[in-house]
Amino acid sequence: MAVADIIEKVRNIRRGYSRPPISASKIAEELNVEIRYYDHPCFTTSFSVKVNDKYIIAMPIMLHKYEENYQIARQLGHICLGHFDYPVVDTINEDKLSASERERLNHNANIFANELLLPTEWLWKEWYRYRDVRKIADIFNIPEEIAAKRVKFMGKPIQELYSIM
């Protein structure tokens, strides 16, 4: 999927929001996506599943709300970008995706999360106001390392930005 198509999908979802921060869990609720929290030593990352026609995001109990917000947004990316329909995958019994296919889908989910929580047009405004990565992370409710990457590549064409990240 092209970056411009992903950004267009994000803008449609983000339509009701005019300023930061964006709550990914609120958007999940609006999209009727259930979030379930778990505390299990074998699973330390978020993942999503589709059961019949219902999407569920499984979230480890995390210490930092910014990381949780970002991980929910990533999983929403997988859901909203139709990754459950390409191809039909049974990841419990057999992984039918190649490493490059999985990398591409994860990359697209990252783009979705970045543009959902830290839209490029909003970043410019806040960056010129504060010029502080930690402040940007706080304003947008995202992990500081994500804010730092976005700030580092400000001014690059959007296609180039996401080919680098």
Protein backbone atom coordinates (compact mmCIF):
# COMPACT_ATOMS: atom_id res chain seq x y z
CA MET A 1 0.00 0.00 0.00
CA ALA A 2 1.33 3.44 -0.90
CA VAL A 3 2.20 5.89 1.88
CA ALA A 4 -0.31 8.41 0.55
CA ASP A 5 -3.09 5.79 0.77
CA ILE A 6 -2.17 4.99 4.38
CA ILE A 7 -2.16 8.68 5.29
CA GLU A 8 -5.57 9.14 3.64
CA LYS A 9 -7.01 6.26 5.71
CA VAL A 10 -5.55 7.81 8.86
CA ARG A 11 -7.01 11.22 8.06
CA ASN A 12 -10.46 9.67 7.66
CA ILE A 13 -10.19 8.02 11.06
CA ARG A 14 -8.70 11.14 12.69
CA ARG A 15 -11.34 13.42 11.15
CA GLY A 16 -13.02 14.23 14.48
CA TYR A 17 -9.79 15.32 16.14
CA SER A 18 -8.36 18.79 15.67
CA ARG A 19 -5.48 18.86 18.15
CA PRO A 20 -3.25 16.51 20.12
CA PRO A 21 -3.17 14.19 21.89
CA ILE A 22 -4.96 11.37 20.13
CA SER A 23 -6.07 8.45 22.28
CA ALA A 24 -5.63 5.23 20.34
CA SER A 25 -7.75 3.35 22.86
CA LYS A 26 -10.61 5.81 22.29
CA ILE A 27 -10.34 5.28 18.54
CA ALA A 28 -10.32 1.52 19.10
CA GLU A 29 -13.52 1.90 21.10
CA GLU A 30 -15.08 4.02 18.33
CA LEU A 31 -14.15 1.29 15.81
CA ASN A 32 -15.59 -1.42 18.09
CA VAL A 33 -12.16 -3.00 18.60
CA GLU A 34 -11.79 -4.64 21.98
CA ILE A 35 -8.58 -4.22 23.99
CA ARG A 36 -7.65 -6.98 26.40
CA TYR A 37 -4.74 -6.70 28.79
CA TYR A 38 -2.60 -9.65 29.82
CA ASP A 39 0.31 -10.35 32.08
CA HIS A 40 2.21 -13.36 30.81
CA PRO A 41 6.00 -13.85 30.75
CA CYS A 42 5.99 -15.41 27.27
CA PHE A 43 4.24 -12.49 25.61
CA THR A 44 5.76 -9.05 25.95
CA THR A 45 4.44 -7.31 22.84
CA SER A 46 1.03 -6.32 21.61
CA PHE A 47 -0.76 -8.28 18.93
CA SER A 48 -4.19 -8.35 17.37
CA VAL A 49 -6.51 -11.14 16.34
CA LYS A 50 -9.71 -11.45 14.41
CA VAL A 51 -12.30 -13.77 15.91
CA ASN A 52 -15.21 -14.18 13.51
CA ASP A 53 -15.84 -10.53 12.60
CA LYS A 54 -14.55 -9.07 15.88
CA TYR A 55 -11.08 -7.57 16.29
CA ILE A 56 -9.24 -7.86 19.59
CA ILE A 57 -6.00 -6.13 20.51
CA ALA A 58 -4.02 -7.99 23.16
CA MET A 59 -1.83 -5.67 25.19
CA PRO A 60 0.79 -6.58 27.75
CA ILE A 61 0.44 -4.66 30.97
CA MET A 62 2.83 -1.81 30.24
CA LEU A 63 4.44 0.64 32.56
CA HIS A 64 4.29 3.70 30.35
CA LYS A 65 1.06 5.08 28.89
CA TYR A 66 2.86 6.55 25.85
CA GLU A 67 4.16 3.14 24.77
CA GLU A 68 0.69 1.66 25.26
CA ASN A 69 -0.89 4.40 23.14
CA TYR A 70 1.61 3.77 20.34
CA GLN A 71 1.21 -0.02 20.43
CA ILE A 72 -2.58 0.23 20.27
CA ALA A 73 -2.20 2.60 17.30
CA ARG A 74 0.10 0.09 15.55
CA GLN A 75 -2.42 -2.70 16.02
CA LEU A 76 -5.18 -0.43 14.73
CA GLY A 77 -2.95 0.05 11.69
CA HIS A 78 -2.93 -3.68 11.03
CA ILE A 79 -6.71 -3.78 11.42
CA CYS A 80 -7.61 -0.63 9.43
CA LEU A 81 -5.16 -1.39 6.62
CA GLY A 82 -6.76 -4.78 6.02
CA HIS A 83 -3.79 -6.91 7.04
CA PHE A 84 -6.13 -9.62 8.30
CA ASP A 85 -7.43 -10.03 4.77
CA TYR A 86 -3.99 -10.37 3.15
CA PRO A 87 -3.53 -13.28 2.85
CA VAL A 88 -5.62 -15.46 5.11
CA VAL A 89 -3.09 -16.28 7.79
CA ASP A 90 -3.21 -18.74 10.63
CA THR A 91 -0.36 -17.41 12.73
CA ILE A 92 -1.01 -19.85 15.55
CA ASN A 93 -0.41 -23.03 13.54
CA GLU A 94 1.55 -21.78 10.55
CA ASP A 95 3.02 -18.49 9.46
CA LYS A 96 2.32 -18.12 5.75
CA LEU A 97 4.00 -14.73 5.36
CA SER A 98 7.54 -14.36 4.14
CA ALA A 99 9.90 -12.22 6.19
CA SER A 100 9.71 -9.42 3.60
CA GLU A 101 5.89 -9.52 3.56
CA ARG A 102 5.75 -9.38 7.35
CA GLU A 103 8.25 -6.50 7.37
CA ARG A 104 6.17 -4.57 4.83
CA LEU A 105 2.96 -5.03 6.82
CA ASN A 106 4.69 -3.96 10.05
CA HIS A 107 6.21 -0.96 8.27
CA ASN A 108 2.76 0.10 7.04
CA ALA A 109 1.33 -0.31 10.56
CA ASN A 110 4.14 1.92 11.87
CA ILE A 111 3.32 4.58 9.28
CA PHE A 112 -0.33 4.38 10.31
CA ALA A 113 0.53 4.76 14.02
CA ASN A 114 2.93 7.65 13.39
CA GLU A 115 0.46 9.59 11.29
CA LEU A 116 -2.44 8.81 13.63
CA LEU A 117 -0.72 9.95 16.81
CA LEU A 118 1.77 12.48 15.45
CA PRO A 119 0.41 13.87 12.17
CA THR A 120 3.08 15.62 10.16
CA GLU A 121 1.04 18.82 9.88
CA TRP A 122 0.55 18.96 13.68
CA LEU A 123 4.21 18.17 14.36
CA TRP A 124 5.41 21.24 12.45
CA LYS A 125 3.21 23.56 14.50
CA GLU A 126 4.25 22.15 17.88
CA TRP A 127 7.92 21.81 16.97
CA TYR A 128 8.22 25.47 16.05
CA ARG A 129 6.47 26.39 19.27
CA TYR A 130 8.63 24.31 21.66
CA ARG A 131 11.68 22.84 19.83
CA ASP A 132 11.97 20.11 22.47
CA VAL A 133 11.59 16.39 21.71
CA ARG A 134 10.48 15.50 25.24
CA LYS A 135 7.78 18.19 25.07
CA ILE A 136 6.63 16.82 21.69
CA ALA A 137 6.40 13.32 23.20
CA ASP A 138 4.32 14.69 26.08
CA ILE A 139 2.03 16.74 23.86
CA PHE A 140 1.34 13.85 21.50
CA ASN A 141 1.28 11.09 24.14
CA ILE A 142 3.90 9.02 22.30
CA PRO A 143 7.26 7.45 23.21
CA GLU A 144 10.15 9.92 23.14
CA GLU A 145 12.16 7.81 20.67
CA ILE A 146 9.28 7.98 18.15
CA ALA A 147 9.10 11.77 18.57
CA ALA A 148 12.87 12.03 18.12
CA LYS A 149 12.77 10.05 14.86
CA ARG A 150 9.93 12.16 13.49
CA VAL A 151 11.68 15.42 14.40
CA LYS A 152 14.97 14.19 12.91
CA PHE A 153 13.34 13.75 9.50
CA MET A 154 11.15 16.87 9.49
CA GLY A 155 11.23 18.60 6.15
CA LYS A 156 11.89 15.44 4.17
CA PRO A 157 9.31 14.46 1.56
CA ILE A 158 6.78 12.12 3.15
CA GLN A 159 7.75 9.23 0.84
CA GLU A 160 11.41 9.64 1.81
CA LEU A 161 10.57 9.95 5.50
CA TYR A 162 8.84 6.61 5.56
CA SER A 163 11.38 4.85 3.37
CA ILE A 164 13.99 5.75 6.02
CA MET A 165 12.03 4.92 9.18
